[in-house]
PDB file of N, CA and C in Angstrom:
ATOM      1  N   ASN A   1     -26.868 -19.450  32.305  1.00  0.00           N
ATOM      2  CA  ASN A   1     -25.615 -19.766  33.058  1.00  0.00           C
ATOM      3  C   ASN A   1     -24.692 -18.523  32.976  1.00  0.00           C
ATOM      4  N   PHE A   2     -23.862 -18.301  33.982  1.00  0.00           N
ATOM      5  CA  PHE A   2     -23.160 -17.237  34.189  1.00  0.00           C
ATOM      6  C   PHE A   2     -22.112 -16.960  33.108  1.00  0.00           C
ATOM      7  N   LEU A   3     -21.446 -18.023  32.567  1.00  0.00           N
ATOM      8  CA  LEU A   3     -20.539 -17.982  31.524  1.00  0.00           C
ATOM      9  C   LEU A   3     -21.093 -17.581  30.180  1.00  0.00           C
ATOM     10  N   GLY A   4     -22.343 -18.103  29.954  1.00  0.00           N
ATOM     11  CA  GLY A   4     -23.075 -17.868  28.658  1.00  0.00           C
ATOM     12  C   GLY A   4     -23.436 -16.306  28.663  1.00  0.00           C
ATOM     13  N   ALA A   5     -23.814 -15.831  29.884  1.00  0.00           N
ATOM     14  CA  ALA A   5     -24.180 -14.382  30.093  1.00  0.00           C
ATOM     15  C   ALA A   5     -22.923 -13.461  29.865  1.00  0.00           C
ATOM     16  N   VAL A   6     -21.783 -13.910  30.296  1.00  0.00           N
ATOM     17  CA  VAL A   6     -20.550 -13.012  30.117  1.00  0.00           C
ATOM     18  C   VAL A   6     -20.217 -12.974  28.528  1.00  0.00           C
ATOM     19  N   ARG A   7     -20.429 -14.200  28.069  1.00  0.00           N
ATOM     20  CA  ARG A   7     -20.059 -14.196  26.504  1.00  0.00           C
ATOM     21  C   ARG A   7     -20.949 -13.311  25.786  1.00  0.00           C
ATOM     22  N   PHE A   8     -22.149 -13.495  25.992  1.00  0.00           N
ATOM     23  CA  PHE A   8     -23.264 -12.690  25.285  1.00  0.00           C
ATOM     24  C   PHE A   8     -22.935 -11.136  25.476  1.00  0.00           C
ATOM     25  N   THR A   9     -22.566 -10.753  26.716  1.00  0.00           N
ATOM     26  CA  THR A   9     -22.307  -9.443  27.192  1.00  0.00           C
ATOM     27  C   THR A   9     -21.082  -8.725  26.334  1.00  0.00           C
ATOM     28  N   ALA A  10     -20.087  -9.668  26.329  1.00  0.00           N
ATOM     29  CA  ALA A  10     -18.915  -9.218  25.570  1.00  0.00           C
ATOM     30  C   ALA A  10     -19.101  -9.141  24.300  1.00  0.00           C
ATOM     31  N   ASN A  11     -19.942  -9.946  23.641  1.00  0.00           N
ATOM     32  CA  ASN A  11     -20.177  -9.912  22.169  1.00  0.00           C
ATOM     33  C   ASN A  11     -21.109  -8.768  21.774  1.00  0.00           C
ATOM     34  N   LEU A  12     -21.960  -8.321  22.729  1.00  0.00           N
ATOM     35  CA  LEU A  12     -22.867  -7.057  22.515  1.00  0.00           C
ATOM     36  C   LEU A  12     -21.955  -5.907  22.613  1.00  0.00           C
ATOM     37  N   GLY A  13     -21.121  -5.952  23.517  1.00  0.00           N
ATOM     38  CA  GLY A  13     -19.996  -4.808  23.614  1.00  0.00           C
ATOM     39  C   GLY A  13     -19.265  -4.561  22.406  1.00  0.00           C
ATOM     40  N   PHE A  14     -18.762  -5.681  21.884  1.00  0.00           N
ATOM     41  CA  PHE A  14     -17.996  -5.713  20.841  1.00  0.00           C
ATOM     42  C   PHE A  14     -18.813  -5.027  19.643  1.00  0.00           C
ATOM     43  N   ARG A  15     -19.949  -5.482  19.410  1.00  0.00           N
ATOM     44  CA  ARG A  15     -20.717  -5.038  18.309  1.00  0.00           C
ATOM     45  C   ARG A  15     -20.978  -3.424  18.440  1.00  0.00           C
ATOM     46  N   ARG A  16     -21.379  -3.010  19.582  1.00  0.00           N
ATOM     47  CA  ARG A  16     -21.781  -1.622  19.958  1.00  0.00           C
ATOM     48  C   ARG A  16     -20.369  -0.804  19.524  1.00  0.00           C
ATOM     49  N   HIS A  17     -19.426  -1.312  20.176  1.00  0.00           N
ATOM     50  CA  HIS A  17     -18.012  -0.302  19.979  1.00  0.00           C
ATOM     51  C   HIS A  17     -17.627  -0.428  18.571  1.00  0.00           C
ATOM     52  N   PHE A  18     -17.833  -1.415  17.889  1.00  0.00           N
ATOM     53  CA  PHE A  18     -17.393  -1.626  16.521  1.00  0.00           C
ATOM     54  C   PHE A  18     -18.106  -0.580  15.594  1.00  0.00           C
ATOM     55  N   ILE A  19     -19.542  -0.603  15.825  1.00  0.00           N
ATOM     56  CA  ILE A  19     -20.398   0.362  14.968  1.00  0.00           C
ATOM     57  C   ILE A  19     -20.142   1.812  15.416  1.00  0.00           C
ATOM     58  N   LEU A  20     -19.544   2.031  16.702  1.00  0.00           N
ATOM     59  CA  LEU A  20     -19.437   3.358  16.984  1.00  0.00           C
ATOM     60  C   LEU A  20     -17.947   3.887  16.663  1.00  0.00           C
ATOM     61  N   GLY A  21     -17.180   2.923  16.008  1.00  0.00           N
ATOM     62  CA  GLY A  21     -15.743   3.022  15.692  1.00  0.00           C
ATOM     63  C   GLY A  21     -14.777   3.097  16.754  1.00  0.00           C
ATOM     64  N   ASN A  22     -15.084   2.431  17.984  1.00  0.00           N
ATOM     65  CA  ASN A  22     -14.104   2.382  19.105  1.00  0.00           C
ATOM     66  C   ASN A  22     -13.429   1.097  18.969  1.00  0.00           C
ATOM     67  N   ASP A  23     -12.381   1.162  18.080  1.00  0.00           N
ATOM     68  CA  ASP A  23     -11.510  -0.074  17.789  1.00  0.00           C
ATOM     69  C   ASP A  23     -10.985  -0.824  19.032  1.00  0.00           C
ATOM     70  N   TYR A  24     -10.343   0.031  19.659  1.00  0.00           N
ATOM     71  CA  TYR A  24      -9.667  -0.526  21.012  1.00  0.00           C
ATOM     72  C   TYR A  24     -10.587  -1.382  21.765  1.00  0.00           C
ATOM     73  N   GLU A  25     -11.834  -0.670  22.173  1.00  0.00           N
ATOM     74  CA  GLU A  25     -12.806  -1.396  23.004  1.00  0.00           C
ATOM     75  C   GLU A  25     -13.401  -2.548  22.271  1.00  0.00           C
ATOM     76  N   SER A  26     -13.461  -2.514  20.998  1.00  0.00           N
ATOM     77  CA  SER A  26     -14.028  -3.639  20.076  1.00  0.00           C
ATOM     78  C   SER A  26     -13.165  -4.696  20.267  1.00  0.00           C
ATOM     79  N   LEU A  27     -11.873  -4.386  19.996  1.00  0.00           N
ATOM     80  CA  LEU A  27     -10.879  -5.686  20.305  1.00  0.00           C
ATOM     81  C   LEU A  27     -10.684  -6.225  21.533  1.00  0.00           C
ATOM     82  N   THR A  28     -10.864  -5.404  22.630  1.00  0.00           N
ATOM     83  CA  THR A  28     -10.770  -5.840  24.016  1.00  0.00           C
ATOM     84  C   THR A  28     -12.194  -6.806  24.239  1.00  0.00           C
ATOM     85  N   ASP A  29     -13.256  -6.436  23.826  1.00  0.00           N
ATOM     86  CA  ASP A  29     -14.548  -7.262  23.846  1.00  0.00           C
ATOM     87  C   ASP A  29     -14.485  -8.383  23.053  1.00  0.00           C
ATOM     88  N   VAL A  30     -13.822  -8.303  21.845  1.00  0.00           N
ATOM     89  CA  VAL A  30     -13.858  -9.657  20.950  1.00  0.00           C
ATOM     90  C   VAL A  30     -12.816 -10.544  21.638  1.00  0.00           C
ATOM     91  N   GLU A  31     -11.671 -10.088  22.099  1.00  0.00           N
ATOM     92  CA  GLU A  31     -10.665 -10.942  22.761  1.00  0.00           C
ATOM     93  C   GLU A  31     -11.295 -11.720  23.900  1.00  0.00           C
ATOM     94  N   VAL A  32     -11.982 -10.902  24.679  1.00  0.00           N
ATOM     95  CA  VAL A  32     -12.697 -11.719  25.864  1.00  0.00           C
ATOM     96  C   VAL A  32     -13.513 -12.786  25.522  1.00  0.00           C
ATOM     97  N   THR A  33     -14.390 -12.490  24.314  1.00  0.00           N
ATOM     98  CA  THR A  33     -15.389 -13.334  23.747  1.00  0.00           C
ATOM     99  C   THR A  33     -14.567 -14.585  23.338  1.00  0.00           C
ATOM    100  N   ILE A  34     -13.545 -14.554  22.595  1.00  0.00           N
ATOM    101  CA  ILE A  34     -12.731 -15.643  22.086  1.00  0.00           C
ATOM    102  C   ILE A  34     -12.161 -16.346  23.151  1.00  0.00           C
ATOM    103  N   ASP A  35     -11.559 -15.611  24.197  1.00  0.00           N
ATOM    104  CA  ASP A  35     -10.955 -16.348  25.408  1.00  0.00           C
ATOM    105  C   ASP A  35     -12.128 -17.261  26.078  1.00  0.00           C
ATOM    106  N   LEU A  36     -13.288 -16.647  26.084  1.00  0.00           N
ATOM    107  CA  LEU A  36     -14.337 -17.511  26.851  1.00  0.00           C
ATOM    108  C   LEU A  36     -14.844 -18.557  25.805  1.00  0.00           C
ATOM    109  N   GLU A  37     -14.705 -18.281  24.633  1.00  0.00           N
ATOM    110  CA  GLU A  37     -15.515 -19.394  23.580  1.00  0.00           C
ATOM    111  C   GLU A  37     -14.683 -19.238  22.315  1.00  0.00           C
ATOM    112  N   PRO A  38     -13.637 -20.083  22.336  1.00  0.00           N
ATOM    113  CA  PRO A  38     -12.570 -19.831  21.001  1.00  0.00           C
ATOM    114  C   PRO A  38     -13.234 -20.335  19.843  1.00  0.00           C
ATOM    115  N   ARG A  39     -14.454 -20.977  19.807  1.00  0.00           N
ATOM    116  CA  ARG A  39     -15.007 -21.362  18.489  1.00  0.00           C
ATOM    117  C   ARG A  39     -16.301 -20.275  18.248  1.00  0.00           C
ATOM    118  N   HIS A  40     -16.261 -19.147  18.739  1.00  0.00           N
ATOM    119  CA  HIS A  40     -17.396 -18.235  18.561  1.00  0.00           C
ATOM    120  C   HIS A  40     -17.100 -17.468  17.209  1.00  0.00           C
ATOM    121  N   PHE A  41     -17.856 -18.087  16.241  1.00  0.00           N
ATOM    122  CA  PHE A  41     -17.672 -17.576  14.787  1.00  0.00           C
ATOM    123  C   PHE A  41     -17.798 -16.093  14.618  1.00  0.00           C
ATOM    124  N   GLY A  42     -18.794 -15.483  15.319  1.00  0.00           N
ATOM    125  CA  GLY A  42     -19.048 -14.043  15.243  1.00  0.00           C
ATOM    126  C   GLY A  42     -17.976 -13.123  15.698  1.00  0.00           C
ATOM    127  N   ALA A  43     -17.373 -13.603  16.827  1.00  0.00           N
ATOM    128  CA  ALA A  43     -16.184 -13.079  17.449  1.00  0.00           C
ATOM    129  C   ALA A  43     -14.997 -13.109  16.431  1.00  0.00           C
ATOM    130  N   LEU A  44     -14.879 -14.306  15.858  1.00  0.00           N
ATOM    131  CA  LEU A  44     -13.774 -14.661  15.069  1.00  0.00           C
ATOM    132  C   LEU A  44     -13.850 -13.690  13.764  1.00  0.00           C
ATOM    133  N   SER A  45     -15.017 -13.653  13.249  1.00  0.00           N
ATOM    134  CA  SER A  45     -15.432 -12.631  12.172  1.00  0.00           C
ATOM    135  C   SER A  45     -14.984 -11.197  12.473  1.00  0.00           C
ATOM    136  N   GLY A  46     -15.602 -10.849  13.567  1.00  0.00           N
ATOM    137  CA  GLY A  46     -15.414  -9.561  13.965  1.00  0.00           C
ATOM    138  C   GLY A  46     -13.779  -9.117  14.153  1.00  0.00           C
ATOM    139  N   LEU A  47     -13.070 -10.126  14.749  1.00  0.00           N
ATOM    140  CA  LEU A  47     -11.589  -9.858  14.798  1.00  0.00           C
ATOM    141  C   LEU A  47     -11.036  -9.607  13.454  1.00  0.00           C
ATOM    142  N   GLY A  48     -11.459 -10.420  12.456  1.00  0.00           N
ATOM    143  CA  GLY A  48     -10.997 -10.161  11.166  1.00  0.00           C
ATOM    144  C   GLY A  48     -11.327  -8.890  10.545  1.00  0.00           C
ATOM    145  N   MET A  49     -12.479  -8.454  10.867  1.00  0.00           N
ATOM    146  CA  MET A  49     -12.915  -7.018  10.460  1.00  0.00           C
ATOM    147  C   MET A  49     -12.057  -5.844  11.209  1.00  0.00           C
ATOM    148  N   ILE A  50     -11.804  -6.058  12.402  1.00  0.00           N
ATOM    149  CA  ILE A  50     -10.787  -5.134  13.207  1.00  0.00           C
ATOM    150  C   ILE A  50      -9.444  -5.189  12.527  1.00  0.00           C
ATOM    151  N   TYR A  51      -8.791  -6.287  12.201  1.00  0.00           N
ATOM    152  CA  TYR A  51      -7.592  -6.480  11.655  1.00  0.00           C
ATOM    153  C   TYR A  51      -7.576  -5.897  10.176  1.00  0.00           C
ATOM    154  N   MET A  52      -8.592  -6.083   9.513  1.00  0.00           N
ATOM    155  CA  MET A  52      -8.756  -5.560   8.082  1.00  0.00           C
ATOM    156  C   MET A  52      -8.851  -4.016   8.196  1.00  0.00           C
ATOM    157  N   ASN A  53      -9.469  -3.592   9.058  1.00  0.00           N
ATOM    158  CA  ASN A  53      -9.510  -2.150   9.215  1.00  0.00           C
ATOM    159  C   ASN A  53      -8.250  -1.383   9.501  1.00  0.00           C
ATOM    160  N   TYR A  54      -7.149  -2.286  10.140  1.00  0.00           N
ATOM    161  CA  TYR A  54      -5.881  -1.680  10.502  1.00  0.00           C
ATOM    162  C   TYR A  54      -4.715  -2.144   9.384  1.00  0.00           C
ATOM    163  N   GLY A  55      -5.116  -2.703   8.406  1.00  0.00           N
ATOM    164  CA  GLY A  55      -4.116  -3.238   7.351  1.00  0.00           C
ATOM    165  C   GLY A  55      -3.368  -4.511   7.745  1.00  0.00           C
ATOM    166  N   LYS A  56      -3.918  -5.068   8.806  1.00  0.00           N
ATOM    167  CA  LYS A  56      -3.454  -6.483   9.088  1.00  0.00           C
ATOM    168  C   LYS A  56      -3.883  -7.508   8.461  1.00  0.00           C
ATOM    169  N   PHE A  57      -3.692  -7.502   7.110  1.00  0.00           N
ATOM    170  CA  PHE A  57      -4.469  -8.467   6.253  1.00  0.00           C
ATOM    171  C   PHE A  57      -4.183  -9.843   6.477  1.00  0.00           C
ATOM    172  N   LYS A  58      -2.874 -10.256   6.691  1.00  0.00           N
ATOM    173  CA  LYS A  58      -2.784 -11.669   7.055  1.00  0.00           C
ATOM    174  C   LYS A  58      -3.313 -12.169   8.300  1.00  0.00           C
ATOM    175  N   ALA A  59      -3.523 -11.364   9.241  1.00  0.00           N
ATOM    176  CA  ALA A  59      -4.206 -11.779  10.502  1.00  0.00           C
ATOM    177  C   ALA A  59      -5.647 -11.752  10.422  1.00  0.00           C
ATOM    178  N   ALA A  60      -6.241 -10.838   9.557  1.00  0.00           N
ATOM    179  CA  ALA A  60      -7.489 -10.793   9.123  1.00  0.00           C
ATOM    180  C   ALA A  60      -7.766 -12.121   8.344  1.00  0.00           C
ATOM    181  N   LEU A  61      -6.978 -12.569   7.384  1.00  0.00           N
ATOM    182  CA  LEU A  61      -7.417 -13.626   6.779  1.00  0.00           C
ATOM    183  C   LEU A  61      -7.409 -14.998   7.656  1.00  0.00           C
ATOM    184  N   VAL A  62      -6.490 -15.092   8.606  1.00  0.00           N
ATOM    185  CA  VAL A  62      -6.566 -16.274   9.558  1.00  0.00           C
ATOM    186  C   VAL A  62      -7.911 -16.167  10.245  1.00  0.00           C
ATOM    187  N   ALA A  63      -8.245 -15.036  10.843  1.00  0.00           N
ATOM    188  CA  ALA A  63      -9.451 -14.859  11.712  1.00  0.00           C
ATOM    189  C   ALA A  63     -10.668 -15.210  10.838  1.00  0.00           C
ATOM    190  N   PHE A  64     -10.719 -14.844   9.579  1.00  0.00           N
ATOM    191  CA  PHE A  64     -11.836 -14.957   8.656  1.00  0.00           C
ATOM    192  C   PHE A  64     -11.916 -16.711   8.372  1.00  0.00           C
ATOM    193  N   GLN A  65     -10.652 -17.253   8.129  1.00  0.00           N
ATOM    194  CA  GLN A  65     -10.730 -18.638   7.754  1.00  0.00           C
ATOM    195  C   GLN A  65     -11.053 -19.431   8.981  1.00  0.00           C
ATOM    196  N   ASN A  66     -10.816 -19.073  10.231  1.00  0.00           N
ATOM    197  CA  ASN A  66     -11.103 -19.779  11.514  1.00  0.00           C
ATOM    198  C   ASN A  66     -12.536 -19.618  11.744  1.00  0.00           C
ATOM    199  N   ALA A  67     -13.204 -18.370  11.428  1.00  0.00           N
ATOM    200  CA  ALA A  67     -14.580 -18.150  11.562  1.00  0.00           C
ATOM    201  C   ALA A  67     -15.238 -19.121  10.563  1.00  0.00           C
ATOM    202  N   ARG A  68     -14.843 -19.332   9.294  1.00  0.00           N
ATOM    203  CA  ARG A  68     -15.368 -20.307   8.202  1.00  0.00           C
ATOM    204  C   ARG A  68     -15.267 -21.667   8.639  1.00  0.00           C
ATOM    205  N   GLU A  69     -14.190 -21.916   9.303  1.00  0.00           N
ATOM    206  CA  GLU A  69     -13.933 -23.445   9.666  1.00  0.00           C
ATOM    207  C   GLU A  69     -14.983 -23.807  10.792  1.00  0.00           C
ATOM    208  N   VAL A  70     -15.376 -22.878  11.631  1.00  0.00           N
ATOM    209  CA  VAL A  70     -16.466 -23.036  12.694  1.00  0.00           C
ATOM    210  C   VAL A  70     -17.821 -23.106  12.122  1.00  0.00           C
ATOM    211  N   ASN A  71     -17.999 -22.042  11.266  1.00  0.00           N
ATOM    212  CA  ASN A  71     -19.365 -22.108  10.572  1.00  0.00           C
ATOM    213  C   ASN A  71     -19.299 -21.730   8.950  1.00  0.00           C
ATOM    214  N   PRO A  72     -19.199 -22.796   8.206  1.00  0.00           N
ATOM    215  CA  PRO A  72     -19.038 -22.604   6.758  1.00  0.00           C
ATOM    216  C   PRO A  72     -20.106 -21.748   6.208  1.00  0.00           C
ATOM    217  N   HIS A  73     -21.261 -21.609   6.865  1.00  0.00           N
ATOM    218  CA  HIS A  73     -22.355 -21.051   6.274  1.00  0.00           C
ATOM    219  C   HIS A  73     -22.506 -19.477   6.792  1.00  0.00           C
ATOM    220  N   LEU A  74     -21.489 -18.928   7.586  1.00  0.00           N
ATOM    221  CA  LEU A  74     -21.515 -17.683   8.041  1.00  0.00           C
ATOM    222  C   LEU A  74     -21.569 -16.672   6.869  1.00  0.00           C
ATOM    223  N   PRO A  75     -22.729 -15.863   6.935  1.00  0.00           N
ATOM    224  CA  PRO A  75     -23.031 -14.769   5.894  1.00  0.00           C
ATOM    225  C   PRO A  75     -21.668 -13.921   5.785  1.00  0.00           C
ATOM    226  N   GLY A  76     -21.279 -13.777   4.501  1.00  0.00           N
ATOM    227  CA  GLY A  76     -20.287 -12.853   4.246  1.00  0.00           C
ATOM    228  C   GLY A  76     -18.749 -13.236   4.484  1.00  0.00           C
ATOM    229  N   VAL A  77     -18.678 -14.421   5.042  1.00  0.00           N
ATOM    230  CA  VAL A  77     -17.267 -14.805   5.461  1.00  0.00           C
ATOM    231  C   VAL A  77     -16.477 -15.278   4.118  1.00  0.00           C
ATOM    232  N   ASN A  78     -17.115 -15.777   3.129  1.00  0.00           N
ATOM    233  CA  ASN A  78     -16.361 -16.150   1.807  1.00  0.00           C
ATOM    234  C   ASN A  78     -15.859 -14.788   1.190  1.00  0.00           C
ATOM    235  N   GLN A  79     -16.775 -13.636   1.113  1.00  0.00           N
ATOM    236  CA  GLN A  79     -16.512 -12.431   0.466  1.00  0.00           C
ATOM    237  C   GLN A  79     -15.420 -11.756   1.233  1.00  0.00           C
ATOM    238  N   ASN A  80     -15.499 -11.907   2.590  1.00  0.00           N
ATOM    239  CA  ASN A  80     -14.419 -11.277   3.341  1.00  0.00           C
ATOM    240  C   ASN A  80     -13.039 -12.008   2.947  1.00  0.00           C
ATOM    241  N   ILE A  81     -13.002 -13.212   2.976  1.00  0.00           N
ATOM    242  CA  ILE A  81     -11.765 -13.810   2.709  1.00  0.00           C
ATOM    243  C   ILE A  81     -11.197 -13.503   1.160  1.00  0.00           C
ATOM    244  N   GLU A  82     -12.131 -13.411   0.250  1.00  0.00           N
ATOM    245  CA  GLU A  82     -11.776 -12.957  -1.163  1.00  0.00           C
ATOM    246  C   GLU A  82     -11.231 -11.471  -0.910  1.00  0.00           C
ATOM    247  N   ARG A  83     -11.915 -10.583  -0.416  1.00  0.00           N
ATOM    248  CA  ARG A  83     -11.502  -9.180  -0.176  1.00  0.00           C
ATOM    249  C   ARG A  83     -10.143  -9.161   0.449  1.00  0.00           C
ATOM    250  N   VAL A  84      -9.865  -9.847   1.554  1.00  0.00           N
ATOM    251  CA  VAL A  84      -8.408  -9.775   2.154  1.00  0.00           C
ATOM    252  C   VAL A  84      -7.440 -10.391   1.129  1.00  0.00           C
ATOM    253  N   ASN A  85      -7.852 -11.383   0.610  1.00  0.00           N
ATOM    254  CA  ASN A  85      -6.862 -11.924  -0.386  1.00  0.00           C
ATOM    255  C   ASN A  85      -6.511 -10.915  -1.617  1.00  0.00           C
ATOM    256  N   GLU A  86      -7.667 -10.116  -2.029  1.00  0.00           N
ATOM    257  CA  GLU A  86      -7.445  -9.030  -3.126  1.00  0.00           C
ATOM    258  C   GLU A  86      -6.435  -7.877  -2.428  1.00  0.00           C
ATOM    259  N   LEU A  87      -6.652  -7.551  -1.143  1.00  0.00           N
ATOM    260  CA  LEU A  87      -5.912  -6.541  -0.482  1.00  0.00           C
ATOM    261  C   LEU A  87      -4.285  -7.084  -0.361  1.00  0.00           C
ATOM    262  N   LEU A  88      -4.200  -8.239   0.018  1.00  0.00           N
ATOM    263  CA  LEU A  88      -2.846  -8.889   0.069  1.00  0.00           C
ATOM    264  C   LEU A  88      -2.131  -8.831  -1.328  1.00  0.00           C
ATOM    265  N   LYS A  89      -2.957  -9.209  -2.412  1.00  0.00           N
ATOM    266  CA  LYS A  89      -2.319  -9.188  -3.570  1.00  0.00           C
ATOM    267  C   LYS A  89      -1.822  -7.744  -3.928  1.00  0.00           C
ATOM    268  N   LYS A  90      -2.789  -6.699  -3.746  1.00  0.00           N
ATOM    269  CA  LYS A  90      -2.379  -5.297  -4.014  1.00  0.00           C
ATOM    270  C   LYS A  90      -1.080  -4.885  -3.143  1.00  0.00           C
ATOM    271  N   GLN A  91      -1.262  -5.356  -1.942  1.00  0.00           N
ATOM    272  CA  GLN A  91      -0.022  -4.982  -0.951  1.00  0.00           C
ATOM    273  C   GLN A  91       1.257  -5.499  -1.376  1.00  0.00           C
ATOM    274  N   ARG A  92       1.131  -6.865  -2.000  1.00  0.00           N
ATOM    275  CA  ARG A  92       2.453  -7.422  -2.467  1.00  0.00           C
ATOM    276  C   ARG A  92       2.958  -6.639  -3.732  1.00  0.00           C
ATOM    277  N   ILE A  93       1.986  -6.276  -4.651  1.00  0.00           N
ATOM    278  CA  ILE A  93       2.340  -5.595  -5.841  1.00  0.00           C
ATOM    279  C   ILE A  93       2.871  -4.236  -5.461  1.00  0.00           C
ATOM    280  N   GLN A  94       2.369  -3.551  -4.622  1.00  0.00           N
ATOM    281  CA  GLN A  94       2.979  -2.249  -4.188  1.00  0.00           C
ATOM    282  C   GLN A  94       4.333  -2.239  -3.528  1.00  0.00           C
ATOM    283  N   LEU A  95       4.431  -3.402  -2.776  1.00  0.00           N
ATOM    284  CA  LEU A  95       5.851  -3.676  -2.199  1.00  0.00           C
ATOM    285  C   LEU A  95       6.915  -3.910  -3.145  1.00  0.00           C
ATOM    286  N   LYS A  96       6.551  -4.705  -4.160  1.00  0.00           N
ATOM    287  CA  LYS A  96       7.294  -5.046  -5.294  1.00  0.00           C
ATOM    288  C   LYS A  96       7.716  -3.898  -6.181  1.00  0.00           C
ATOM    289  N   LYS A  97       6.882  -3.063  -6.510  1.00  0.00           N
ATOM    290  CA  LYS A  97       7.063  -1.759  -7.037  1.00  0.00           C
ATOM    291  C   LYS A  97       7.956  -1.026  -6.135  1.00  0.00           C
ATOM    292  N   ALA A  98       7.853  -0.785  -5.006  1.00  0.00           N
ATOM    293  CA  ALA A  98       8.722  -0.034  -4.082  1.00  0.00           C
ATOM    294  C   ALA A  98      10.052  -0.421  -4.079  1.00  0.00           C
ATOM    295  N   PHE A  99      10.462  -1.628  -4.159  1.00  0.00           N
ATOM    296  CA  PHE A  99      11.700  -2.217  -4.177  1.00  0.00           C
ATOM    297  C   PHE A  99      12.348  -2.104  -5.454  1.00  0.00           C
ATOM    298  N   GLN A 100      11.586  -1.963  -6.568  1.00  0.00           N
ATOM    299  CA  GLN A 100      12.036  -1.812  -7.892  1.00  0.00           C
ATOM    300  C   GLN A 100      12.673  -0.469  -8.385  1.00  0.00           C
ATOM    301  N   LYS A 101      12.229   0.577  -7.407  1.00  0.00           N
ATOM    302  CA  LYS A 101      12.578   1.908  -7.781  1.00  0.00           C
ATOM    303  C   LYS A 101      14.025   2.157  -7.406  1.00  0.00           C
TER     304      LYS A 101
END
């Protein structure tokens, strides 16, 4: 069906752009995929990766949690959630130190 083909194409575009480091194009493709299929766990996980790359750790955590909710057996999702939680903790510690000076 046409909608399935569009979702598939957007997801392939995301992967290609992400691997090549074209983050803006990756984000555009992943947003199209999620608009077409809000429960697309691969796109949700990809969105988390993009957010993580830009230091948007809270948004990354939400994206990874949403991906895990859709597919609890998604490889790497629990590790990504743990990693983002570690980064958030480091960020809070750095912020606290900055305000103590």
